Amino acid sequence: MLGWGFPPNVTGGLDTWVGEVFEAFEPKDAELQLLLPSEYAPEDREGIHSAPTGEGDIITRVGRMSDTFVELAEDADIAHTNDWFGYGPGLRAKRETDATWVSAFHSLSSDRNINPPEREVETERRVAQQSDVLISVSDITRQNVLELYEADSHVVHNGFSSLDTTGFDVKADLGIEGPMLLFVGRHTDQKGSQSPAVCDGQDPEHRRDARPRRLGPPDRAPEDVHRTARAQRPHQIRRLHS
């Protein structure tokens, strides 16, 4: 399997998923080999391999992992990649080995970007149409892939590990009384963090009593979110650091 980051050294949600899958396979009667960039790979972990990626954009850096990925795929039944960035290594494994290329879409570029880069969109199209087995993590993603790229996929829903709660009272800490709507997501437009600010201005009945709160570093939220929030509630925005 091809990945990018690995817990606790993660760059996004996909890295967490890769870590969860790797841990889940360890006790099972199935061998899983994971390839990561050298800068993110944990040291001395059985089953985890690394390859230097150097400088450049992600396509260039992932491309430098292709040789090692193909070598690992020669002894594998399945060569698994994720999203658009796994296209190069996955296609080479399909062409140069007997492994079945399985690619999973966790989200699409159009989900993550207001104006998706054409290069990512075209790469997604190639992944959808050329992989041996295509997986989507939700029915919505499957439908989007079908509509955008005319390729059907199998739906395999992501699971979630059980968590130990801390008992931390968010409402008490923020001094909130009454109902609270909690929005959880990265501070980027791809996670829809602009929506709560917009919706807040559409409810005149409760608008006077609402108190928006944003948790996390202020510099990580895109400026369009701040503009929307200020326009809707200029005197009731409080930024909180994680």
C-alpha atoms as a PDB file:
ATOM      1  CA  MET A   1       0.000   0.000   0.000  1.00  0.00           C
ATOM      2  CA  LEU A   2       1.153   3.514  -0.804  1.00  0.00           C
ATOM      3  CA  GLY A   3       0.742   6.217   1.822  1.00  0.00           C
ATOM      4  CA  TRP A   4       2.114   9.632   2.690  1.00  0.00           C
ATOM      5  CA  GLY A   5       2.144  10.347   6.424  1.00  0.00           C
ATOM      6  CA  PHE A   6       1.790   7.991   9.378  1.00  0.00           C
ATOM      7  CA  PRO A   7       0.539   8.734  12.919  1.00  0.00           C
ATOM      8  CA  PRO A   8       1.613  10.706  14.813  1.00  0.00           C
ATOM      9  CA  ASN A   9       3.427  12.380  11.898  1.00  0.00           C
ATOM     10  CA  VAL A  10       0.378  13.164   9.798  1.00  0.00           C
ATOM     11  CA  THR A  11      -0.460  15.767   7.189  1.00  0.00           C
ATOM     12  CA  GLY A  12      -4.179  15.013   6.891  1.00  0.00           C
ATOM     13  CA  GLY A  13      -7.002  12.579   7.454  1.00  0.00           C
ATOM     14  CA  LEU A  14      -5.774  10.076   4.865  1.00  0.00           C
ATOM     15  CA  ASP A  15      -2.608   9.531   6.901  1.00  0.00           C
ATOM     16  CA  THR A  16      -4.704   8.643   9.929  1.00  0.00           C
ATOM     17  CA  TRP A  17      -6.708   6.189   7.821  1.00  0.00           C
ATOM     18  CA  VAL A  18      -3.519   4.551   6.519  1.00  0.00           C
ATOM     19  CA  GLY A  19      -2.252   4.176  10.078  1.00  0.00           C
ATOM     20  CA  GLU A  20      -5.536   2.634  11.211  1.00  0.00           C
ATOM     21  CA  VAL A  21      -5.562   0.147   8.341  1.00  0.00           C
ATOM     22  CA  PHE A  22      -1.953  -0.842   8.965  1.00  0.00           C
ATOM     23  CA  GLU A  23      -2.636  -1.456  12.645  1.00  0.00           C
ATOM     24  CA  ALA A  24      -5.799  -3.425  11.831  1.00  0.00           C
ATOM     25  CA  PHE A  25      -3.972  -5.776   9.476  1.00  0.00           C
ATOM     26  CA  GLU A  26      -1.108  -6.587  11.848  1.00  0.00           C
ATOM     27  CA  PRO A  27      -2.963  -9.248  13.873  1.00  0.00           C
ATOM     28  CA  LYS A  28      -4.696 -10.737  10.830  1.00  0.00           C
ATOM     29  CA  ASP A  29      -3.542 -13.537   8.581  1.00  0.00           C
ATOM     30  CA  ALA A  30      -2.632 -11.137   5.789  1.00  0.00           C
ATOM     31  CA  GLU A  31       0.668  -9.459   5.048  1.00  0.00           C
ATOM     32  CA  LEU A  32       0.593  -5.708   4.521  1.00  0.00           C
ATOM     33  CA  GLN A  33       3.614  -3.762   3.301  1.00  0.00           C
ATOM     34  CA  LEU A  34       3.364   0.026   3.484  1.00  0.00           C
ATOM     35  CA  LEU A  35       5.505   2.478   1.532  1.00  0.00           C
ATOM     36  CA  LEU A  36       5.923   6.026   2.836  1.00  0.00           C
ATOM     37  CA  PRO A  37       8.200   8.998   2.091  1.00  0.00           C
ATOM     38  CA  SER A  38      11.371   8.801   4.171  1.00  0.00           C
ATOM     39  CA  GLU A  39      10.550  11.999   6.046  1.00  0.00           C
ATOM     40  CA  TYR A  40       7.253  10.584   7.363  1.00  0.00           C
ATOM     41  CA  ALA A  41       8.046   6.901   7.820  1.00  0.00           C
ATOM     42  CA  PRO A  42       8.570   5.639  11.392  1.00  0.00           C
ATOM     43  CA  GLU A  43      11.944   4.005  11.987  1.00  0.00           C
ATOM     44  CA  ASP A  44      12.419   0.295  12.566  1.00  0.00           C
ATOM     45  CA  ARG A  45       8.751  -0.604  12.088  1.00  0.00           C
ATOM     46  CA  GLU A  46       8.255  -4.012  10.533  1.00  0.00           C
ATOM     47  CA  GLY A  47       6.253  -3.867   7.330  1.00  0.00           C
ATOM     48  CA  ILE A  48       6.868  -0.160   6.722  1.00  0.00           C
ATOM     49  CA  HIS A  49       9.260   0.856   3.946  1.00  0.00           C
ATOM     50  CA  SER A  50      10.484   4.283   2.957  1.00  0.00           C
ATOM     51  CA  ALA A  51      11.725   6.064  -0.136  1.00  0.00           C
ATOM     52  CA  PRO A  52      13.341   9.516  -0.433  1.00  0.00           C
ATOM     53  CA  THR A  53      11.174  12.015  -2.302  1.00  0.00           C
ATOM     54  CA  GLY A  54      13.377  15.118  -2.333  1.00  0.00           C
ATOM     55  CA  GLU A  55      12.019  18.514  -3.352  1.00  0.00           C
ATOM     56  CA  GLY A  56       9.234  19.507  -5.703  1.00  0.00           C
ATOM     57  CA  ASP A  57       5.448  19.265  -5.903  1.00  0.00           C
ATOM     58  CA  ILE A  58       3.615  16.207  -4.662  1.00  0.00           C
ATOM     59  CA  ILE A  59       3.329  14.600  -8.109  1.00  0.00           C
ATOM     60  CA  THR A  60       7.091  14.820  -8.577  1.00  0.00           C
ATOM     61  CA  ARG A  61       7.813  13.534  -5.097  1.00  0.00           C
ATOM     62  CA  VAL A  62       5.352  10.636  -5.320  1.00  0.00           C
ATOM     63  CA  GLY A  63       6.865   9.756  -8.678  1.00  0.00           C
ATOM     64  CA  ARG A  64      10.187   9.127  -6.964  1.00  0.00           C
ATOM     65  CA  MET A  65       8.500   6.417  -4.891  1.00  0.00           C
ATOM     66  CA  SER A  66       7.384   4.469  -7.959  1.00  0.00           C
ATOM     67  CA  ASP A  67      10.454   2.234  -8.313  1.00  0.00           C
ATOM     68  CA  THR A  68      10.232   1.043  -4.710  1.00  0.00           C
ATOM     69  CA  PHE A  69       6.461   0.619  -4.971  1.00  0.00           C
ATOM     70  CA  VAL A  70       6.838  -1.578  -8.053  1.00  0.00           C
ATOM     71  CA  GLU A  71       9.504  -3.677  -6.310  1.00  0.00           C
ATOM     72  CA  LEU A  72       7.160  -4.297  -3.381  1.00  0.00           C
ATOM     73  CA  ALA A  73       4.246  -5.012  -5.720  1.00  0.00           C
ATOM     74  CA  GLU A  74       6.180  -7.795  -7.451  1.00  0.00           C
ATOM     75  CA  ASP A  75       5.564 -10.044  -4.433  1.00  0.00           C
ATOM     76  CA  ALA A  76       2.047  -8.783  -3.695  1.00  0.00           C
ATOM     77  CA  ASP A  77      -1.440  -9.777  -4.765  1.00  0.00           C
ATOM     78  CA  ILE A  78      -2.774  -6.232  -4.454  1.00  0.00           C
ATOM     79  CA  ALA A  79      -1.122  -2.863  -5.068  1.00  0.00           C
ATOM     80  CA  HIS A  80      -3.250  -0.355  -3.163  1.00  0.00           C
ATOM     81  CA  THR A  81      -3.142   3.414  -3.689  1.00  0.00           C
ATOM     82  CA  ASN A  82      -5.360   6.269  -2.506  1.00  0.00           C
ATOM     83  CA  ASP A  83      -6.839   9.274  -4.291  1.00  0.00           C
ATOM     84  CA  TRP A  84      -5.234  11.017  -7.230  1.00  0.00           C
ATOM     85  CA  PHE A  85      -1.654  11.143  -5.947  1.00  0.00           C
ATOM     86  CA  GLY A  86      -1.244   7.371  -6.218  1.00  0.00           C
ATOM     87  CA  TYR A  87      -1.813   7.320  -9.981  1.00  0.00           C
ATOM     88  CA  GLY A  88       1.802   7.074 -11.160  1.00  0.00           C
ATOM     89  CA  PRO A  89       2.984   4.296  -8.828  1.00  0.00           C
ATOM     90  CA  GLY A  90      -0.316   2.431  -9.173  1.00  0.00           C
ATOM     91  CA  LEU A  91      -0.289   2.443 -12.953  1.00  0.00           C
ATOM     92  CA  ARG A  92       3.314   1.258 -13.056  1.00  0.00           C
ATOM     93  CA  ALA A  93       2.517  -1.574 -10.644  1.00  0.00           C
ATOM     94  CA  LYS A  94      -0.384  -2.603 -12.863  1.00  0.00           C
ATOM     95  CA  ARG A  95       1.752  -2.598 -16.014  1.00  0.00           C
ATOM     96  CA  GLU A  96       4.942  -4.080 -14.609  1.00  0.00           C
ATOM     97  CA  THR A  97       3.722  -6.684 -12.107  1.00  0.00           C
ATOM     98  CA  ASP A  98       0.971  -9.259 -11.688  1.00  0.00           C
ATOM     99  CA  ALA A  99      -0.569  -7.370  -8.767  1.00  0.00           C
ATOM    100  CA  THR A 100      -4.133  -6.080  -8.992  1.00  0.00           C
ATOM    101  CA  TRP A 101      -4.205  -2.300  -8.779  1.00  0.00           C
ATOM    102  CA  VAL A 102      -6.822  -1.241  -6.226  1.00  0.00           C
ATOM    103  CA  SER A 103      -7.395   2.490  -5.854  1.00  0.00           C
ATOM    104  CA  ALA A 104      -9.605   4.151  -3.239  1.00  0.00           C
ATOM    105  CA  PHE A 105     -11.208   7.573  -3.459  1.00  0.00           C
ATOM    106  CA  HIS A 106     -11.618   9.140  -0.029  1.00  0.00           C
ATOM    107  CA  SER A 107     -12.678  12.440  -1.541  1.00  0.00           C
ATOM    108  CA  LEU A 108     -12.372  14.250  -4.851  1.00  0.00           C
ATOM    109  CA  SER A 109     -10.504  17.394  -5.747  1.00  0.00           C
ATOM    110  CA  SER A 110     -13.859  19.076  -6.338  1.00  0.00           C
ATOM    111  CA  ASP A 111     -14.748  18.292  -2.703  1.00  0.00           C
ATOM    112  CA  ARG A 112     -11.563  19.884  -1.417  1.00  0.00           C
ATOM    113  CA  ASN A 113     -11.319  22.945  -3.623  1.00  0.00           C
ATOM    114  CA  ILE A 114     -13.680  25.664  -4.811  1.00  0.00           C
ATOM    115  CA  ASN A 115     -11.737  25.676  -8.085  1.00  0.00           C
ATOM    116  CA  PRO A 116     -10.142  22.213  -8.370  1.00  0.00           C
ATOM    117  CA  PRO A 117      -6.777  22.163 -10.157  1.00  0.00           C
ATOM    118  CA  GLU A 118      -7.158  20.745 -13.647  1.00  0.00           C
ATOM    119  CA  ARG A 119      -4.137  18.512 -13.151  1.00  0.00           C
ATOM    120  CA  GLU A 120      -5.746  16.819 -10.153  1.00  0.00           C
ATOM    121  CA  VAL A 121      -9.079  16.442 -11.950  1.00  0.00           C
ATOM    122  CA  GLU A 122      -7.470  14.833 -14.982  1.00  0.00           C
ATOM    123  CA  THR A 123      -5.397  12.530 -12.781  1.00  0.00           C
ATOM    124  CA  GLU A 124      -8.529  11.473 -10.926  1.00  0.00           C
ATOM    125  CA  ARG A 125     -10.136  10.662 -14.261  1.00  0.00           C
ATOM    126  CA  ARG A 126      -7.226   8.433 -15.192  1.00  0.00           C
ATOM    127  CA  VAL A 127      -7.295   6.676 -11.819  1.00  0.00           C
ATOM    128  CA  ALA A 128     -11.037   6.062 -12.138  1.00  0.00           C
ATOM    129  CA  GLN A 129     -10.792   4.675 -15.629  1.00  0.00           C
ATOM    130  CA  GLN A 130      -7.550   2.699 -15.437  1.00  0.00           C
ATOM    131  CA  SER A 131      -7.372   1.053 -12.002  1.00  0.00           C
ATOM    132  CA  ASP A 132      -8.342  -2.625 -11.844  1.00  0.00           C
ATOM    133  CA  VAL A 133     -10.600  -2.167  -8.825  1.00  0.00           C
ATOM    134  CA  LEU A 134     -12.044   1.179  -7.771  1.00  0.00           C
ATOM    135  CA  ILE A 135     -13.295   1.909  -4.248  1.00  0.00           C
ATOM    136  CA  SER A 136     -15.205   4.875  -2.829  1.00  0.00           C
ATOM    137  CA  VAL A 137     -15.573   5.451   0.889  1.00  0.00           C
ATOM    138  CA  SER A 138     -19.180   6.659   0.671  1.00  0.00           C
ATOM    139  CA  ASP A 139     -22.233   6.462  -1.568  1.00  0.00           C
ATOM    140  CA  ILE A 140     -21.908  10.187  -2.238  1.00  0.00           C
ATOM    141  CA  THR A 141     -18.312   9.801  -3.407  1.00  0.00           C
ATOM    142  CA  ARG A 142     -19.306   6.835  -5.579  1.00  0.00           C
ATOM    143  CA  GLN A 143     -22.039   8.907  -7.224  1.00  0.00           C
ATOM    144  CA  ASN A 144     -19.669  11.844  -7.801  1.00  0.00           C
ATOM    145  CA  VAL A 145     -17.041   9.586  -9.372  1.00  0.00           C
ATOM    146  CA  LEU A 146     -19.706   8.060 -11.604  1.00  0.00           C
ATOM    147  CA  GLU A 147     -21.043  11.429 -12.728  1.00  0.00           C
ATOM    148  CA  LEU A 148     -17.679  13.125 -13.219  1.00  0.00           C
ATOM    149  CA  TYR A 149     -15.589  10.274 -14.591  1.00  0.00           C
ATOM    150  CA  GLU A 150     -18.109   7.700 -15.845  1.00  0.00           C
ATOM    151  CA  ALA A 151     -16.553   4.995 -13.676  1.00  0.00           C
ATOM    152  CA  ASP A 152     -18.405   2.918 -11.108  1.00  0.00           C
ATOM    153  CA  SER A 153     -16.822   1.892  -7.824  1.00  0.00           C
ATOM    154  CA  HIS A 154     -17.388  -0.382  -4.850  1.00  0.00           C
ATOM    155  CA  VAL A 155     -18.425   1.384  -1.644  1.00  0.00           C
ATOM    156  CA  VAL A 156     -16.387   0.455   1.412  1.00  0.00           C
ATOM    157  CA  HIS A 157     -17.284   2.692   4.338  1.00  0.00           C
ATOM    158  CA  ASN A 158     -14.534   3.865   6.652  1.00  0.00           C
ATOM    159  CA  GLY A 159     -14.656   2.620  10.212  1.00  0.00           C
ATOM    160  CA  PHE A 160     -13.644   4.544  13.286  1.00  0.00           C
ATOM    161  CA  SER A 161     -11.634   3.471  16.289  1.00  0.00           C
ATOM    162  CA  SER A 162     -13.264   3.684  19.677  1.00  0.00           C
ATOM    163  CA  LEU A 163     -12.170   6.670  21.720  1.00  0.00           C
ATOM    164  CA  ASP A 164     -11.761   7.339  25.413  1.00  0.00           C
ATOM    165  CA  THR A 165     -13.565  10.557  26.252  1.00  0.00           C
ATOM    166  CA  THR A 166     -11.919  13.118  28.511  1.00  0.00           C
ATOM    167  CA  GLY A 167     -15.093  14.507  30.041  1.00  0.00           C
ATOM    168  CA  PHE A 168     -14.093  18.011  28.915  1.00  0.00           C
ATOM    169  CA  ASP A 169     -17.158  20.298  28.971  1.00  0.00           C
ATOM    170  CA  VAL A 170     -16.864  22.501  25.884  1.00  0.00           C
ATOM    171  CA  LYS A 171     -19.983  24.525  26.644  1.00  0.00           C
ATOM    172  CA  ALA A 172     -18.885  25.275  30.193  1.00  0.00           C
ATOM    173  CA  ASP A 173     -15.393  26.225  29.048  1.00  0.00           C
ATOM    174  CA  LEU A 174     -16.779  28.673  26.492  1.00  0.00           C
ATOM    175  CA  GLY A 175     -19.523  29.974  28.753  1.00  0.00           C
ATOM    176  CA  ILE A 176     -22.307  28.797  26.454  1.00  0.00           C
ATOM    177  CA  GLU A 177     -25.809  28.306  27.824  1.00  0.00           C
ATOM    178  CA  GLY A 178     -28.544  26.537  25.891  1.00  0.00           C
ATOM    179  CA  PRO A 179     -28.218  24.547  22.631  1.00  0.00           C
ATOM    180  CA  MET A 180     -24.868  24.461  20.862  1.00  0.00           C
ATOM    181  CA  LEU A 181     -24.034  23.504  17.271  1.00  0.00           C
ATOM    182  CA  LEU A 182     -20.512  22.059  17.093  1.00  0.00           C
ATOM    183  CA  PHE A 183     -18.788  22.192  13.700  1.00  0.00           C
ATOM    184  CA  VAL A 184     -15.699  19.982  13.482  1.00  0.00           C
ATOM    185  CA  GLY A 185     -13.362  20.335  10.531  1.00  0.00           C
ATOM    186  CA  ARG A 186     -10.092  21.690   9.239  1.00  0.00           C
ATOM    187  CA  HIS A 187      -9.939  25.442   8.765  1.00  0.00           C
ATOM    188  CA  THR A 188     -10.021  25.278   4.988  1.00  0.00           C
ATOM    189  CA  ASP A 189     -12.746  25.925   2.438  1.00  0.00           C
ATOM    190  CA  GLN A 190     -12.653  22.212   1.500  1.00  0.00           C
ATOM    191  CA  LYS A 191     -14.182  21.347   4.883  1.00  0.00           C
ATOM    192  CA  GLY A 192     -17.051  23.790   4.545  1.00  0.00           C
ATOM    193  CA  SER A 193     -16.075  25.980   7.484  1.00  0.00           C
ATOM    194  CA  GLN A 194     -17.677  28.935   5.723  1.00  0.00           C
ATOM    195  CA  SER A 195     -21.127  27.340   5.947  1.00  0.00           C
ATOM    196  CA  PRO A 196     -21.809  27.862   9.671  1.00  0.00           C
ATOM    197  CA  ALA A 197     -20.953  31.565   9.329  1.00  0.00           C
ATOM    198  CA  VAL A 198     -23.310  31.909   6.370  1.00  0.00           C
ATOM    199  CA  CYS A 199     -26.126  29.946   8.013  1.00  0.00           C
ATOM    200  CA  ASP A 200     -25.769  31.987  11.173  1.00  0.00           C
ATOM    201  CA  GLY A 201     -26.945  35.044   9.305  1.00  0.00           C
ATOM    202  CA  GLN A 202     -30.024  33.264   7.959  1.00  0.00           C
ATOM    203  CA  ASP A 203     -31.787  32.749  11.305  1.00  0.00           C
ATOM    204  CA  PRO A 204     -33.137  36.122  12.525  1.00  0.00           C
ATOM    205  CA  GLU A 205     -35.116  34.542  15.362  1.00  0.00           C
ATOM    206  CA  HIS A 206     -32.028  33.192  17.134  1.00  0.00           C
ATOM    207  CA  ARG A 207     -29.379  35.438  15.654  1.00  0.00           C
ATOM    208  CA  ARG A 208     -29.362  37.837  18.594  1.00  0.00           C
ATOM    209  CA  ASP A 209     -28.532  35.091  21.085  1.00  0.00           C
ATOM    210  CA  ALA A 210     -26.026  33.113  19.018  1.00  0.00           C
ATOM    211  CA  ARG A 211     -22.310  33.255  19.857  1.00  0.00           C
ATOM    212  CA  PRO A 212     -20.022  31.868  17.131  1.00  0.00           C
ATOM    213  CA  ARG A 213     -16.729  30.330  18.293  1.00  0.00           C
ATOM    214  CA  ARG A 214     -13.808  29.067  16.224  1.00  0.00           C
ATOM    215  CA  LEU A 215     -11.328  26.624  17.755  1.00  0.00           C
ATOM    216  CA  GLY A 216      -7.813  26.527  16.341  1.00  0.00           C
ATOM    217  CA  PRO A 217      -5.032  28.835  15.154  1.00  0.00           C
ATOM    218  CA  PRO A 218      -6.538  31.968  13.530  1.00  0.00           C
ATOM    219  CA  ASP A 219      -3.904  31.970  10.791  1.00  0.00           C
ATOM    220  CA  ARG A 220      -5.087  28.548   9.553  1.00  0.00           C
ATOM    221  CA  ALA A 221      -8.571  29.713   8.623  1.00  0.00           C
ATOM    222  CA  PRO A 222      -8.911  31.052   5.077  1.00  0.00           C
ATOM    223  CA  GLU A 223      -9.605  34.760   4.758  1.00  0.00           C
ATOM    224  CA  ASP A 224     -12.937  34.185   2.989  1.00  0.00           C
ATOM    225  CA  VAL A 225     -14.227  32.446   6.130  1.00  0.00           C
ATOM    226  CA  HIS A 226     -13.151  35.380   8.290  1.00  0.00           C
ATOM    227  CA  ARG A 227     -14.788  37.840   5.876  1.00  0.00           C
ATOM    228  CA  THR A 228     -18.054  35.923   5.949  1.00  0.00           C
ATOM    229  CA  ALA A 229     -18.012  35.672   9.726  1.00  0.00           C
ATOM    230  CA  ARG A 230     -17.273  39.357  10.144  1.00  0.00           C
ATOM    231  CA  ALA A 231     -20.021  40.310   7.702  1.00  0.00           C
ATOM    232  CA  GLN A 232     -22.612  38.174   9.487  1.00  0.00           C
ATOM    233  CA  ARG A 233     -21.603  38.810  13.110  1.00  0.00           C
ATOM    234  CA  PRO A 234     -18.953  41.552  13.274  1.00  0.00           C
ATOM    235  CA  HIS A 235     -19.028  41.907  17.082  1.00  0.00           C
ATOM    236  CA  GLN A 236     -19.508  38.291  18.134  1.00  0.00           C
ATOM    237  CA  ILE A 237     -16.539  36.424  16.654  1.00  0.00           C
ATOM    238  CA  ARG A 238     -14.045  34.966  19.092  1.00  0.00           C
ATOM    239  CA  ARG A 239     -11.039  33.015  17.855  1.00  0.00           C
ATOM    240  CA  LEU A 240      -9.765  30.280  20.108  1.00  0.00           C
ATOM    241  CA  HIS A 241      -6.398  28.581  19.961  1.00  0.00           C
ATOM    242  CA  SER A 242      -6.131  24.801  20.172  1.00  0.00           C
END
